[in-house]
Structures are given as structure tokens and as C-alpha cells.
């Protein structure tokens, strides 16, 4: 089961950082599920790539896991994310995507102790 706390934090961060309008106007997973499969795949791929790049700067093993996860699920349309969005239609699709990746590859919490050296 996806952590509701993780979803809430990721959703809040996405709304605050990426949305110009009010929270009520934010993109929801229910909206995302109406998009074409190609557009859904592109959105999730972009999120996975970004997460992998950030992980690579902090935790190489996690970055490899994210890359492997993307490779495994891309052709099938990232079904673990789509299924999670069906169960959580009111959350932002980025929050759900990152939470599914986090569940598979570990928490996105980095400290100086876990960060890779420059």
C-alpha cells in the first residue's frame, strides 16, 4: 500500500512548486487517466528520469533501481502507476508517480551522509 503520508507530502510539494493556480485547479490523477497512453507514458517517463537524475547525485544504487524500474514498466504503460492513480484519483499524478517509484526503490530523503561526493 502506498503511504498516505508520502502521497500527501509529494502532492503538496507538487501543488506548491508546480501549480500557478489554486489547489482546486491542480491536475488530478482522474484527469491524467483521460490522457492518451502516449501522453501518460511521456509524463511518467519524464518523472522517472528526473527522479533518477536526482538519485544519481545522492544515491547511485537508488538511481540504478529507478532506471531498472523505468525499463521494466515503460513498454506496458507503467501499469503500477496507472493502477495507483485509479485508486487515488484526487492526488496529483506526479505525487502518485513518485510515490510508486519511491516504494519500489527507496525513500527520496537525502542527507549529507547519503549524498554522493562531488
PDB file of N, CA and C in Angstrom:
ATOM      1  N   UNK A   1       0.846  -1.182   0.000  1.00  0.00           N
ATOM      2  CA  UNK A   1       0.000   0.000   0.000  1.00  0.00           C
ATOM      3  C   UNK A   1       0.889   1.242   0.000  1.00  0.00           C
ATOM      4  N   UNK A   2       0.495   2.206  -0.751  1.00  0.00           N
ATOM      5  CA  UNK A   2       1.240   3.457  -0.799  1.00  0.00           C
ATOM      6  C   UNK A   2       1.027   4.227   0.497  1.00  0.00           C
ATOM      7  N   UNK A   3       2.066   4.827   0.984  1.00  0.00           N
ATOM      8  CA  UNK A   3       1.997   5.604   2.206  1.00  0.00           C
ATOM      9  C   UNK A   3       1.205   6.883   1.952  1.00  0.00           C
ATOM     10  N   UNK A   4       0.142   7.067   2.677  1.00  0.00           N
ATOM     11  CA  UNK A   4      -0.671   8.279   2.511  1.00  0.00           C
ATOM     12  C   UNK A   4       0.134   9.517   2.902  1.00  0.00           C
ATOM     13  N   UNK A   5       1.018   9.373   3.885  1.00  0.00           N
ATOM     14  CA  UNK A   5       1.866  10.492   4.283  1.00  0.00           C
ATOM     15  C   UNK A   5       2.772  10.892   3.124  1.00  0.00           C
ATOM     16  N   UNK A   6       3.396   9.909   2.469  1.00  0.00           N
ATOM     17  CA  UNK A   6       4.263  10.209   1.328  1.00  0.00           C
ATOM     18  C   UNK A   6       3.473  10.856   0.205  1.00  0.00           C
ATOM     19  N   UNK A   7       2.284  10.330  -0.049  1.00  0.00           N
ATOM     20  CA  UNK A   7       1.443  10.912  -1.095  1.00  0.00           C
ATOM     21  C   UNK A   7       1.063  12.350  -0.758  1.00  0.00           C
ATOM     22  N   UNK A   8       0.698  12.576   0.482  1.00  0.00           N
ATOM     23  CA  UNK A   8       0.289  13.918   0.872  1.00  0.00           C
ATOM     24  C   UNK A   8       1.438  14.903   0.739  1.00  0.00           C
ATOM     25  N   UNK A   9       2.623  14.499   1.196  1.00  0.00           N
ATOM     26  CA  UNK A   9       3.784  15.385   1.100  1.00  0.00           C
ATOM     27  C   UNK A   9       4.139  15.655  -0.355  1.00  0.00           C
ATOM     28  N   UNK A  10       4.206  14.598  -1.159  1.00  0.00           N
ATOM     29  CA  UNK A  10       4.550  14.772  -2.569  1.00  0.00           C
ATOM     30  C   UNK A  10       3.493  15.603  -3.291  1.00  0.00           C
ATOM     31  N   UNK A  11       2.227  15.371  -2.972  1.00  0.00           N
ATOM     32  CA  UNK A  11       1.152  16.135  -3.601  1.00  0.00           C
ATOM     33  C   UNK A  11       1.242  17.606  -3.225  1.00  0.00           C
ATOM     34  N   UNK A  12       1.469  17.871  -1.960  1.00  0.00           N
ATOM     35  CA  UNK A  12       1.597  19.249  -1.508  1.00  0.00           C
ATOM     36  C   UNK A  12       2.773  19.937  -2.189  1.00  0.00           C
ATOM     37  N   UNK A  13       3.907  19.249  -2.239  1.00  0.00           N
ATOM     38  CA  UNK A  13       5.089  19.820  -2.888  1.00  0.00           C
ATOM     39  C   UNK A  13       4.820  20.116  -4.357  1.00  0.00           C
ATOM     40  N   UNK A  14       4.143  19.214  -5.021  1.00  0.00           N
ATOM     41  CA  UNK A  14       3.840  19.402  -6.430  1.00  0.00           C
ATOM     42  C   UNK A  14       2.906  20.582  -6.635  1.00  0.00           C
ATOM     43  N   UNK A  15       1.889  20.681  -5.804  1.00  0.00           N
ATOM     44  CA  UNK A  15       0.939  21.780  -5.934  1.00  0.00           C
ATOM     45  C   UNK A  15       1.630  23.114  -5.666  1.00  0.00           C
ATOM     46  N   UNK A  16       2.406  23.183  -4.611  1.00  0.00           N
ATOM     47  CA  UNK A  16       3.069  24.430  -4.244  1.00  0.00           C
ATOM     48  C   UNK A  16       4.112  24.828  -5.277  1.00  0.00           C
ATOM     49  N   UNK A  17       4.901  23.855  -5.735  1.00  0.00           N
ATOM     50  CA  UNK A  17       6.029  24.168  -6.608  1.00  0.00           C
ATOM     51  C   UNK A  17       5.675  24.251  -8.087  1.00  0.00           C
ATOM     52  N   UNK A  18       4.665  23.525  -8.520  1.00  0.00           N
ATOM     53  CA  UNK A  18       4.436  23.417  -9.951  1.00  0.00           C
ATOM     54  C   UNK A  18       3.129  24.028 -10.436  1.00  0.00           C
ATOM     55  N   UNK A  19       2.249  24.376  -9.556  1.00  0.00           N
ATOM     56  CA  UNK A  19       0.945  24.866  -9.978  1.00  0.00           C
ATOM     57  C   UNK A  19       0.836  26.364  -9.753  1.00  0.00           C
ATOM     58  N   UNK A  20       0.448  27.068 -10.783  1.00  0.00           N
ATOM     59  CA  UNK A  20       0.280  28.517 -10.664  1.00  0.00           C
ATOM     60  C   UNK A  20      -1.056  28.870 -10.018  1.00  0.00           C
ATOM     61  N   UNK A  21      -2.067  28.004 -10.204  1.00  0.00           N
ATOM     62  CA  UNK A  21      -3.402  28.292  -9.699  1.00  0.00           C
ATOM     63  C   UNK A  21      -3.632  27.746  -8.313  1.00  0.00           C
ATOM     64  N   UNK A  22      -4.840  27.841  -7.875  1.00  0.00           N
ATOM     65  CA  UNK A  22      -5.219  27.332  -6.563  1.00  0.00           C
ATOM     66  C   UNK A  22      -5.201  25.810  -6.571  1.00  0.00           C
ATOM     67  N   UNK A  23      -5.156  25.230  -5.385  1.00  0.00           N
ATOM     68  CA  UNK A  23      -5.091  23.773  -5.258  1.00  0.00           C
ATOM     69  C   UNK A  23      -6.287  23.098  -5.934  1.00  0.00           C
ATOM     70  N   UNK A  24      -7.444  23.747  -5.907  1.00  0.00           N
ATOM     71  CA  UNK A  24      -8.632  23.155  -6.528  1.00  0.00           C
ATOM     72  C   UNK A  24      -8.470  23.003  -8.038  1.00  0.00           C
ATOM     73  N   UNK A  25      -7.602  23.813  -8.624  1.00  0.00           N
ATOM     74  CA  UNK A  25      -7.378  23.781 -10.063  1.00  0.00           C
ATOM     75  C   UNK A  25      -6.241  22.841 -10.445  1.00  0.00           C
ATOM     76  N   UNK A  26      -5.616  22.220  -9.474  1.00  0.00           N
ATOM     77  CA  UNK A  26      -4.464  21.358  -9.732  1.00  0.00           C
ATOM     78  C   UNK A  26      -4.884  20.127 -10.535  1.00  0.00           C
ATOM     79  N   UNK A  27      -3.944  19.640 -11.313  1.00  0.00           N
ATOM     80  CA  UNK A  27      -4.156  18.414 -12.065  1.00  0.00           C
ATOM     81  C   UNK A  27      -4.348  17.255 -11.093  1.00  0.00           C
ATOM     82  N   UNK A  28      -5.288  16.411 -11.391  1.00  0.00           N
ATOM     83  CA  UNK A  28      -5.573  15.238 -10.557  1.00  0.00           C
ATOM     84  C   UNK A  28      -5.355  13.979 -11.382  1.00  0.00           C
ATOM     85  N   UNK A  29      -5.122  12.900 -10.680  1.00  0.00           N
ATOM     86  CA  UNK A  29      -4.932  11.621 -11.361  1.00  0.00           C
ATOM     87  C   UNK A  29      -6.146  11.258 -12.213  1.00  0.00           C
ATOM     88  N   UNK A  30      -7.331  11.612 -11.765  1.00  0.00           N
ATOM     89  CA  UNK A  30      -8.532  11.315 -12.556  1.00  0.00           C
ATOM     90  C   UNK A  30      -8.474  12.024 -13.906  1.00  0.00           C
ATOM     91  N   UNK A  31      -7.910  13.234 -13.954  1.00  0.00           N
ATOM     92  CA  UNK A  31      -7.725  13.948 -15.220  1.00  0.00           C
ATOM     93  C   UNK A  31      -6.667  13.241 -16.066  1.00  0.00           C
ATOM     94  N   UNK A  32      -5.571  12.896 -15.418  1.00  0.00           N
ATOM     95  CA  UNK A  32      -4.460  12.229 -16.089  1.00  0.00           C
ATOM     96  C   UNK A  32      -4.922  10.951 -16.794  1.00  0.00           C
ATOM     97  N   UNK A  33      -5.807  10.210 -16.159  1.00  0.00           N
ATOM     98  CA  UNK A  33      -6.273   8.933 -16.727  1.00  0.00           C
ATOM     99  C   UNK A  33      -7.091   9.108 -18.000  1.00  0.00           C
ATOM    100  N   UNK A  34      -7.488  10.343 -18.325  1.00  0.00           N
ATOM    101  CA  UNK A  34      -8.214  10.595 -19.576  1.00  0.00           C
ATOM    102  C   UNK A  34      -7.254  10.873 -20.733  1.00  0.00           C
ATOM    103  N   UNK A  35      -5.977  11.066 -20.437  1.00  0.00           N
ATOM    104  CA  UNK A  35      -4.984  11.351 -21.468  1.00  0.00           C
ATOM    105  C   UNK A  35      -4.720  10.110 -22.308  1.00  0.00           C
ATOM    106  N   UNK A  36      -4.156  10.307 -23.482  1.00  0.00           N
ATOM    107  CA  UNK A  36      -3.762   9.186 -24.326  1.00  0.00           C
ATOM    108  C   UNK A  36      -2.646   8.409 -23.639  1.00  0.00           C
ATOM    109  N   UNK A  37      -2.536   7.130 -23.975  1.00  0.00           N
ATOM    110  CA  UNK A  37      -1.491   6.287 -23.393  1.00  0.00           C
ATOM    111  C   UNK A  37      -0.104   6.864 -23.677  1.00  0.00           C
ATOM    112  N   UNK A  38       0.071   7.439 -24.853  1.00  0.00           N
ATOM    113  CA  UNK A  38       1.368   8.034 -25.212  1.00  0.00           C
ATOM    114  C   UNK A  38       1.705   9.216 -24.306  1.00  0.00           C
ATOM    115  N   UNK A  39       0.732  10.079 -24.043  1.00  0.00           N
ATOM    116  CA  UNK A  39       0.967  11.224 -23.165  1.00  0.00           C
ATOM    117  C   UNK A  39       1.192  10.789 -21.720  1.00  0.00           C
ATOM    118  N   UNK A  40       0.450   9.781 -21.276  1.00  0.00           N
ATOM    119  CA  UNK A  40       0.669   9.239 -19.930  1.00  0.00           C
ATOM    120  C   UNK A  40       2.091   8.699 -19.808  1.00  0.00           C
ATOM    121  N   UNK A  41       2.500   7.914 -20.780  1.00  0.00           N
ATOM    122  CA  UNK A  41       3.840   7.322 -20.768  1.00  0.00           C
ATOM    123  C   UNK A  41       4.917   8.410 -20.758  1.00  0.00           C
ATOM    124  N   UNK A  42       4.724   9.460 -21.533  1.00  0.00           N
ATOM    125  CA  UNK A  42       5.682  10.558 -21.576  1.00  0.00           C
ATOM    126  C   UNK A  42       5.807  11.271 -20.237  1.00  0.00           C
ATOM    127  N   UNK A  43       4.685  11.513 -19.586  1.00  0.00           N
ATOM    128  CA  UNK A  43       4.681  12.179 -18.286  1.00  0.00           C
ATOM    129  C   UNK A  43       5.413  11.332 -17.251  1.00  0.00           C
ATOM    130  N   UNK A  44       5.069  10.055 -17.181  1.00  0.00           N
ATOM    131  CA  UNK A  44       5.679   9.173 -16.186  1.00  0.00           C
ATOM    132  C   UNK A  44       7.156   8.969 -16.490  1.00  0.00           C
ATOM    133  N   UNK A  45       7.507   8.837 -17.772  1.00  0.00           N
ATOM    134  CA  UNK A  45       8.920   8.703 -18.149  1.00  0.00           C
ATOM    135  C   UNK A  45       9.722   9.908 -17.695  1.00  0.00           C
ATOM    136  N   UNK A  46       9.182  11.096 -17.905  1.00  0.00           N
ATOM    137  CA  UNK A  46       9.871  12.320 -17.512  1.00  0.00           C
ATOM    138  C   UNK A  46      10.069  12.354 -15.997  1.00  0.00           C
ATOM    139  N   UNK A  47       9.047  11.985 -15.255  1.00  0.00           N
ATOM    140  CA  UNK A  47       9.169  11.958 -13.787  1.00  0.00           C
ATOM    141  C   UNK A  47      10.229  10.953 -13.352  1.00  0.00           C
ATOM    142  N   UNK A  48      10.233   9.773 -13.974  1.00  0.00           N
ATOM    143  CA  UNK A  48      11.207   8.736 -13.613  1.00  0.00           C
ATOM    144  C   UNK A  48      12.628   9.173 -13.954  1.00  0.00           C
ATOM    145  N   UNK A  49      12.803   9.789 -15.096  1.00  0.00           N
ATOM    146  CA  UNK A  49      14.137  10.271 -15.490  1.00  0.00           C
ATOM    147  C   UNK A  49      14.619  11.335 -14.510  1.00  0.00           C
ATOM    148  N   UNK A  50      13.748  12.276 -14.173  1.00  0.00           N
ATOM    149  CA  UNK A  50      14.130  13.334 -13.224  1.00  0.00           C
ATOM    150  C   UNK A  50      14.483  12.734 -11.866  1.00  0.00           C
ATOM    151  N   UNK A  51      13.680  11.802 -11.404  1.00  0.00           N
ATOM    152  CA  UNK A  51      13.969  11.150 -10.116  1.00  0.00           C
ATOM    153  C   UNK A  51      15.303  10.408 -10.181  1.00  0.00           C
ATOM    154  N   UNK A  52      15.571   9.763 -11.312  1.00  0.00           N
ATOM    155  CA  UNK A  52      16.836   9.052 -11.481  1.00  0.00           C
ATOM    156  C   UNK A  52      18.041   9.972 -11.477  1.00  0.00           C
ATOM    157  N   UNK A  53      17.899  11.122 -12.114  1.00  0.00           N
ATOM    158  CA  UNK A  53      18.995  12.098 -12.149  1.00  0.00           C
ATOM    159  C   UNK A  53      19.285  12.608 -10.735  1.00  0.00           C
ATOM    160  N   UNK A  54      18.241  12.945 -10.003  1.00  0.00           N
ATOM    161  CA  UNK A  54      18.425  13.433  -8.629  1.00  0.00           C
ATOM    162  C   UNK A  54      19.009  12.334  -7.753  1.00  0.00           C
ATOM    163  N   UNK A  55      18.500  11.117  -7.893  1.00  0.00           N
ATOM    164  CA  UNK A  55      19.037   9.997  -7.110  1.00  0.00           C
ATOM    165  C   UNK A  55      20.502   9.759  -7.445  1.00  0.00           C
ATOM    166  N   UNK A  56      20.868   9.892  -8.706  1.00  0.00           N
ATOM    167  CA  UNK A  56      22.258   9.659  -9.109  1.00  0.00           C
ATOM    168  C   UNK A  56      23.212  10.626  -8.408  1.00  0.00           C
ATOM    169  N   UNK A  57      22.743  11.806  -8.090  1.00  0.00           N
ATOM    170  CA  UNK A  57      23.569  12.786  -7.375  1.00  0.00           C
ATOM    171  C   UNK A  57      23.677  12.472  -5.889  1.00  0.00           C
ATOM    172  N   UNK A  58      22.813  11.575  -5.418  1.00  0.00           N
ATOM    173  CA  UNK A  58      22.740  11.302  -3.986  1.00  0.00           C
ATOM    174  C   UNK A  58      22.960   9.845  -3.590  1.00  0.00           C
ATOM    175  N   UNK A  59      22.438   8.932  -4.375  1.00  0.00           N
ATOM    176  CA  UNK A  59      22.494   7.521  -4.013  1.00  0.00           C
ATOM    177  C   UNK A  59      22.480   6.687  -5.294  1.00  0.00           C
ATOM    178  N   UNK A  60      23.667   6.292  -5.750  1.00  0.00           N
ATOM    179  CA  UNK A  60      23.809   5.599  -7.036  1.00  0.00           C
ATOM    180  C   UNK A  60      22.971   4.324  -7.122  1.00  0.00           C
ATOM    181  N   UNK A  61      22.893   3.579  -6.048  1.00  0.00           N
ATOM    182  CA  UNK A  61      22.099   2.344  -6.066  1.00  0.00           C
ATOM    183  C   UNK A  61      20.628   2.615  -6.306  1.00  0.00           C
ATOM    184  N   UNK A  62      20.135   3.684  -5.731  1.00  0.00           N
ATOM    185  CA  UNK A  62      18.743   4.061  -5.937  1.00  0.00           C
ATOM    186  C   UNK A  62      18.526   4.512  -7.383  1.00  0.00           C
ATOM    187  N   UNK A  63      19.497   5.220  -7.933  1.00  0.00           N
ATOM    188  CA  UNK A  63      19.395   5.658  -9.324  1.00  0.00           C
ATOM    189  C   UNK A  63      19.304   4.461 -10.259  1.00  0.00           C
ATOM    190  N   UNK A  64      20.099   3.439 -10.011  1.00  0.00           N
ATOM    191  CA  UNK A  64      20.045   2.232 -10.842  1.00  0.00           C
ATOM    192  C   UNK A  64      18.685   1.560 -10.713  1.00  0.00           C
ATOM    193  N   UNK A  65      18.175   1.497  -9.494  1.00  0.00           N
ATOM    194  CA  UNK A  65      16.850   0.904  -9.271  1.00  0.00           C
ATOM    195  C   UNK A  65      15.783   1.656 -10.069  1.00  0.00           C
ATOM    196  N   UNK A  66      15.838   2.982 -10.055  1.00  0.00           N
ATOM    197  CA  UNK A  66      14.858   3.794 -10.778  1.00  0.00           C
ATOM    198  C   UNK A  66      14.980   3.551 -12.283  1.00  0.00           C
ATOM    199  N   UNK A  67      16.200   3.503 -12.785  1.00  0.00           N
ATOM    200  CA  UNK A  67      16.401   3.222 -14.216  1.00  0.00           C
ATOM    201  C   UNK A  67      15.860   1.841 -14.579  1.00  0.00           C
ATOM    202  N   UNK A  68      16.144   0.858 -13.741  1.00  0.00           N
ATOM    203  CA  UNK A  68      15.651  -0.506 -13.982  1.00  0.00           C
ATOM    204  C   UNK A  68      14.126  -0.546 -13.916  1.00  0.00           C
ATOM    205  N   UNK A  69      13.555   0.168 -12.956  1.00  0.00           N
ATOM    206  CA  UNK A  69      12.099   0.233 -12.820  1.00  0.00           C
ATOM    207  C   UNK A  69      11.481   0.812 -14.096  1.00  0.00           C
ATOM    208  N   UNK A  70      12.055   1.920 -14.587  1.00  0.00           N
ATOM    209  CA  UNK A  70      11.549   2.545 -15.806  1.00  0.00           C
ATOM    210  C   UNK A  70      11.607   1.613 -16.996  1.00  0.00           C
ATOM    211  N   UNK A  71      12.721   0.901 -17.131  1.00  0.00           N
ATOM    212  CA  UNK A  71      12.877  -0.042 -18.232  1.00  0.00           C
ATOM    213  C   UNK A  71      11.849  -1.172 -18.132  1.00  0.00           C
ATOM    214  N   UNK A  72      11.635  -1.648 -16.940  1.00  0.00           N
ATOM    215  CA  UNK A  72      10.704  -2.774 -16.723  1.00  0.00           C
ATOM    216  C   UNK A  72       9.258  -2.412 -17.069  1.00  0.00           C
ATOM    217  N   UNK A  73       8.829  -1.214 -16.714  1.00  0.00           N
ATOM    218  CA  UNK A  73       7.410  -0.875 -16.846  1.00  0.00           C
ATOM    219  C   UNK A  73       7.051   0.020 -18.027  1.00  0.00           C
ATOM    220  N   UNK A  74       8.017   0.572 -18.727  1.00  0.00           N
ATOM    221  CA  UNK A  74       7.717   1.514 -19.806  1.00  0.00           C
ATOM    222  C   UNK A  74       6.839   0.906 -20.901  1.00  0.00           C
ATOM    223  N   UNK A  75       7.252  -0.212 -21.447  1.00  0.00           N
ATOM    224  CA  UNK A  75       6.506  -0.820 -22.560  1.00  0.00           C
ATOM    225  C   UNK A  75       5.064  -1.155 -22.197  1.00  0.00           C
ATOM    226  N   UNK A  76       4.823  -1.488 -20.953  1.00  0.00           N
ATOM    227  CA  UNK A  76       3.468  -1.815 -20.508  1.00  0.00           C
ATOM    228  C   UNK A  76       2.663  -0.601 -20.085  1.00  0.00           C
ATOM    229  N   UNK A  77       3.213   0.593 -20.287  1.00  0.00           N
ATOM    230  CA  UNK A  77       2.486   1.813 -19.941  1.00  0.00           C
ATOM    231  C   UNK A  77       2.537   2.157 -18.462  1.00  0.00           C
ATOM    232  N   UNK A  78       3.554   1.660 -17.759  1.00  0.00           N
ATOM    233  CA  UNK A  78       3.732   1.960 -16.337  1.00  0.00           C
ATOM    234  C   UNK A  78       2.491   1.593 -15.524  1.00  0.00           C
ATOM    235  N   UNK A  79       2.052   0.361 -15.686  1.00  0.00           N
ATOM    236  CA  UNK A  79       0.824  -0.086 -15.038  1.00  0.00           C
ATOM    237  C   UNK A  79       0.796   0.071 -13.514  1.00  0.00           C
ATOM    238  N   UNK A  80       1.911  -0.102 -12.800  1.00  0.00           N
ATOM    239  CA  UNK A  80       1.819   0.134 -11.348  1.00  0.00           C
ATOM    240  C   UNK A  80       1.382   1.567 -11.014  1.00  0.00           C
ATOM    241  N   UNK A  81       1.819   2.516 -11.802  1.00  0.00           N
ATOM    242  CA  UNK A  81       1.436   3.919 -11.577  1.00  0.00           C
ATOM    243  C   UNK A  81      -0.024   4.124 -11.970  1.00  0.00           C
ATOM    244  N   UNK A  82      -0.413   3.592 -13.103  1.00  0.00           N
ATOM    245  CA  UNK A  82      -1.799   3.742 -13.569  1.00  0.00           C
ATOM    246  C   UNK A  82      -2.770   3.127 -12.563  1.00  0.00           C
ATOM    247  N   UNK A  83      -2.440   1.940 -12.055  1.00  0.00           N
ATOM    248  CA  UNK A  83      -3.311   1.280 -11.069  1.00  0.00           C
ATOM    249  C   UNK A  83      -3.396   2.104  -9.784  1.00  0.00           C
ATOM    250  N   UNK A  84      -2.282   2.679  -9.354  1.00  0.00           N
ATOM    251  CA  UNK A  84      -2.292   3.525  -8.154  1.00  0.00           C
ATOM    252  C   UNK A  84      -3.149   4.767  -8.384  1.00  0.00           C
ATOM    253  N   UNK A  85      -3.069   5.343  -9.576  1.00  0.00           N
ATOM    254  CA  UNK A  85      -3.868   6.534  -9.880  1.00  0.00           C
ATOM    255  C   UNK A  85      -5.362   6.210  -9.878  1.00  0.00           C
ATOM    256  N   UNK A  86      -5.717   5.027 -10.318  1.00  0.00           N
ATOM    257  CA  UNK A  86      -7.126   4.632 -10.291  1.00  0.00           C
ATOM    258  C   UNK A  86      -7.640   4.559  -8.856  1.00  0.00           C
ATOM    259  N   UNK A  87      -6.766   4.152  -7.938  1.00  0.00           N
ATOM    260  CA  UNK A  87      -7.155   4.046  -6.532  1.00  0.00           C
ATOM    261  C   UNK A  87      -7.090   5.392  -5.815  1.00  0.00           C
ATOM    262  N   UNK A  88      -6.322   6.325  -6.369  1.00  0.00           N
ATOM    263  CA  UNK A  88      -6.107   7.631  -5.731  1.00  0.00           C
ATOM    264  C   UNK A  88      -6.378   8.763  -6.719  1.00  0.00           C
ATOM    265  N   UNK A  89      -7.622   8.866  -7.213  1.00  0.00           N
ATOM    266  CA  UNK A  89      -7.923   9.803  -8.298  1.00  0.00           C
ATOM    267  C   UNK A  89      -7.804  11.273  -7.936  1.00  0.00           C
ATOM    268  N   UNK A  90      -7.809  11.613  -6.654  1.00  0.00           N
ATOM    269  CA  UNK A  90      -7.776  13.021  -6.268  1.00  0.00           C
ATOM    270  C   UNK A  90      -6.369  13.565  -6.027  1.00  0.00           C
ATOM    271  N   UNK A  91      -5.367  12.690  -6.085  1.00  0.00           N
ATOM    272  CA  UNK A  91      -3.992  13.139  -5.892  1.00  0.00           C
ATOM    273  C   UNK A  91      -3.377  13.576  -7.218  1.00  0.00           C
ATOM    274  N   UNK A  92      -2.407  14.465  -7.145  1.00  0.00           N
ATOM    275  CA  UNK A  92      -1.697  14.918  -8.335  1.00  0.00           C
ATOM    276  C   UNK A  92      -0.952  13.730  -8.936  1.00  0.00           C
ATOM    277  N   UNK A  93      -0.945  13.573 -10.260  1.00  0.00           N
ATOM    278  CA  UNK A  93      -0.264  12.432 -10.880  1.00  0.00           C
ATOM    279  C   UNK A  93       1.234  12.368 -10.583  1.00  0.00           C
ATOM    280  N   UNK A  94       1.871  13.500 -10.379  1.00  0.00           N
ATOM    281  CA  UNK A  94       3.293  13.480 -10.032  1.00  0.00           C
ATOM    282  C   UNK A  94       3.493  12.881  -8.648  1.00  0.00           C
ATOM    283  N   UNK A  95       2.618  13.222  -7.722  1.00  0.00           N
ATOM    284  CA  UNK A  95       2.709  12.671  -6.373  1.00  0.00           C
ATOM    285  C   UNK A  95       2.562  11.156  -6.398  1.00  0.00           C
ATOM    286  N   UNK A  96       1.600  10.669  -7.153  1.00  0.00           N
ATOM    287  CA  UNK A  96       1.381   9.226  -7.235  1.00  0.00           C
ATOM    288  C   UNK A  96       2.567   8.550  -7.917  1.00  0.00           C
ATOM    289  N   UNK A  97       3.035   9.123  -9.021  1.00  0.00           N
ATOM    290  CA  UNK A  97       4.168   8.552  -9.757  1.00  0.00           C
ATOM    291  C   UNK A  97       5.386   8.434  -8.862  1.00  0.00           C
ATOM    292  N   UNK A  98       5.744   9.511  -8.188  1.00  0.00           N
ATOM    293  CA  UNK A  98       6.930   9.490  -7.343  1.00  0.00           C
ATOM    294  C   UNK A  98       6.770   8.554  -6.152  1.00  0.00           C
ATOM    295  N   UNK A  99       5.567   8.438  -5.635  1.00  0.00           N
ATOM    296  CA  UNK A  99       5.332   7.535  -4.515  1.00  0.00           C
ATOM    297  C   UNK A  99       5.485   6.077  -4.943  1.00  0.00           C
ATOM    298  N   UNK A 100       5.007   5.740  -6.129  1.00  0.00           N
ATOM    299  CA  UNK A 100       5.169   4.368  -6.637  1.00  0.00           C
ATOM    300  C   UNK A 100       6.657   4.063  -6.843  1.00  0.00           C
ATOM    301  N   UNK A 101       7.383   5.006  -7.424  1.00  0.00           N
ATOM    302  CA  UNK A 101       8.824   4.811  -7.626  1.00  0.00           C
ATOM    303  C   UNK A 101       9.532   4.710  -6.277  1.00  0.00           C
ATOM    304  N   UNK A 102       9.152   5.548  -5.351  1.00  0.00           N
ATOM    305  CA  UNK A 102       9.759   5.523  -4.021  1.00  0.00           C
ATOM    306  C   UNK A 102       9.509   4.187  -3.325  1.00  0.00           C
ATOM    307  N   UNK A 103       8.312   3.661  -3.471  1.00  0.00           N
ATOM    308  CA  UNK A 103       8.003   2.364  -2.864  1.00  0.00           C
ATOM    309  C   UNK A 103       8.886   1.269  -3.451  1.00  0.00           C
ATOM    310  N   UNK A 104       9.168   1.347  -4.737  1.00  0.00           N
ATOM    311  CA  UNK A 104       9.985   0.333  -5.406  1.00  0.00           C
ATOM    312  C   UNK A 104      11.475   0.500  -5.129  1.00  0.00           C
ATOM    313  N   UNK A 105      11.928   1.740  -4.953  1.00  0.00           N
ATOM    314  CA  UNK A 105      13.376   1.997  -4.929  1.00  0.00           C
ATOM    315  C   UNK A 105      13.895   2.707  -3.689  1.00  0.00           C
ATOM    316  N   UNK A 106      13.051   2.981  -2.750  1.00  0.00           N
ATOM    317  CA  UNK A 106      13.504   3.621  -1.526  1.00  0.00           C
ATOM    318  C   UNK A 106      13.111   5.080  -1.438  1.00  0.00           C
ATOM    319  N   UNK A 107      13.143   5.547  -0.230  1.00  0.00           N
ATOM    320  CA  UNK A 107      12.699   6.892   0.092  1.00  0.00           C
ATOM    321  C   UNK A 107      13.582   7.965  -0.553  1.00  0.00           C
ATOM    322  N   UNK A 108      12.947   9.033  -1.011  1.00  0.00           N
ATOM    323  CA  UNK A 108      13.655  10.175  -1.587  1.00  0.00           C
ATOM    324  C   UNK A 108      13.996  11.171  -0.479  1.00  0.00           C
ATOM    325  N   UNK A 109      14.791  10.719   0.449  1.00  0.00           N
ATOM    326  CA  UNK A 109      15.240  11.590   1.530  1.00  0.00           C
ATOM    327  C   UNK A 109      16.750  11.478   1.568  1.00  0.00           C
ATOM    328  N   UNK A 110      17.391  12.568   1.296  1.00  0.00           N
ATOM    329  CA  UNK A 110      18.847  12.568   1.226  1.00  0.00           C
ATOM    330  C   UNK A 110      19.419  13.492   2.288  1.00  0.00           C
ATOM    331  N   UNK A 111      20.498  13.055   2.868  1.00  0.00           N
ATOM    332  CA  UNK A 111      21.241  13.864   3.819  1.00  0.00           C
ATOM    333  C   UNK A 111      22.666  13.975   3.320  1.00  0.00           C
ATOM    334  N   UNK A 112      23.439  14.787   3.956  1.00  0.00           N
ATOM    335  CA  UNK A 112      24.844  14.904   3.566  1.00  0.00           C
ATOM    336  C   UNK A 112      25.546  13.560   3.664  1.00  0.00           C
ATOM    337  N   UNK A 113      25.115  12.732   4.612  1.00  0.00           N
ATOM    338  CA  UNK A 113      25.744  11.424   4.789  1.00  0.00           C
ATOM    339  C   UNK A 113      25.452  10.478   3.639  1.00  0.00           C
ATOM    340  N   UNK A 114      24.286  10.631   2.974  1.00  0.00           N
ATOM    341  CA  UNK A 114      23.936   9.746   1.872  1.00  0.00           C
ATOM    342  C   UNK A 114      24.278  10.333   0.511  1.00  0.00           C
ATOM    343  N   UNK A 115      24.538  11.623   0.465  1.00  0.00           N
ATOM    344  CA  UNK A 115      24.801  12.289  -0.808  1.00  0.00           C
ATOM    345  C   UNK A 115      26.170  11.871  -1.336  1.00  0.00           C
ATOM    346  N   UNK A 116      26.234  11.698  -2.648  1.00  0.00           N
ATOM    347  CA  UNK A 116      27.499  11.371  -3.290  1.00  0.00           C
ATOM    348  C   UNK A 116      28.424  12.576  -3.229  1.00  0.00           C
ATOM    349  N   UNK A 117      29.693  12.320  -3.142  1.00  0.00           N
ATOM    350  CA  UNK A 117      30.625  13.443  -3.117  1.00  0.00           C
ATOM    351  C   UNK A 117      30.784  14.020  -4.516  1.00  0.00           C
ATOM    352  N   UNK A 118      31.062  15.325  -4.634  1.00  0.00           N
ATOM    353  CA  UNK A 118      31.127  15.991  -5.940  1.00  0.00           C
ATOM    354  C   UNK A 118      32.230  15.474  -6.814  1.00  0.00           C
TER     355      UNK A 118
END
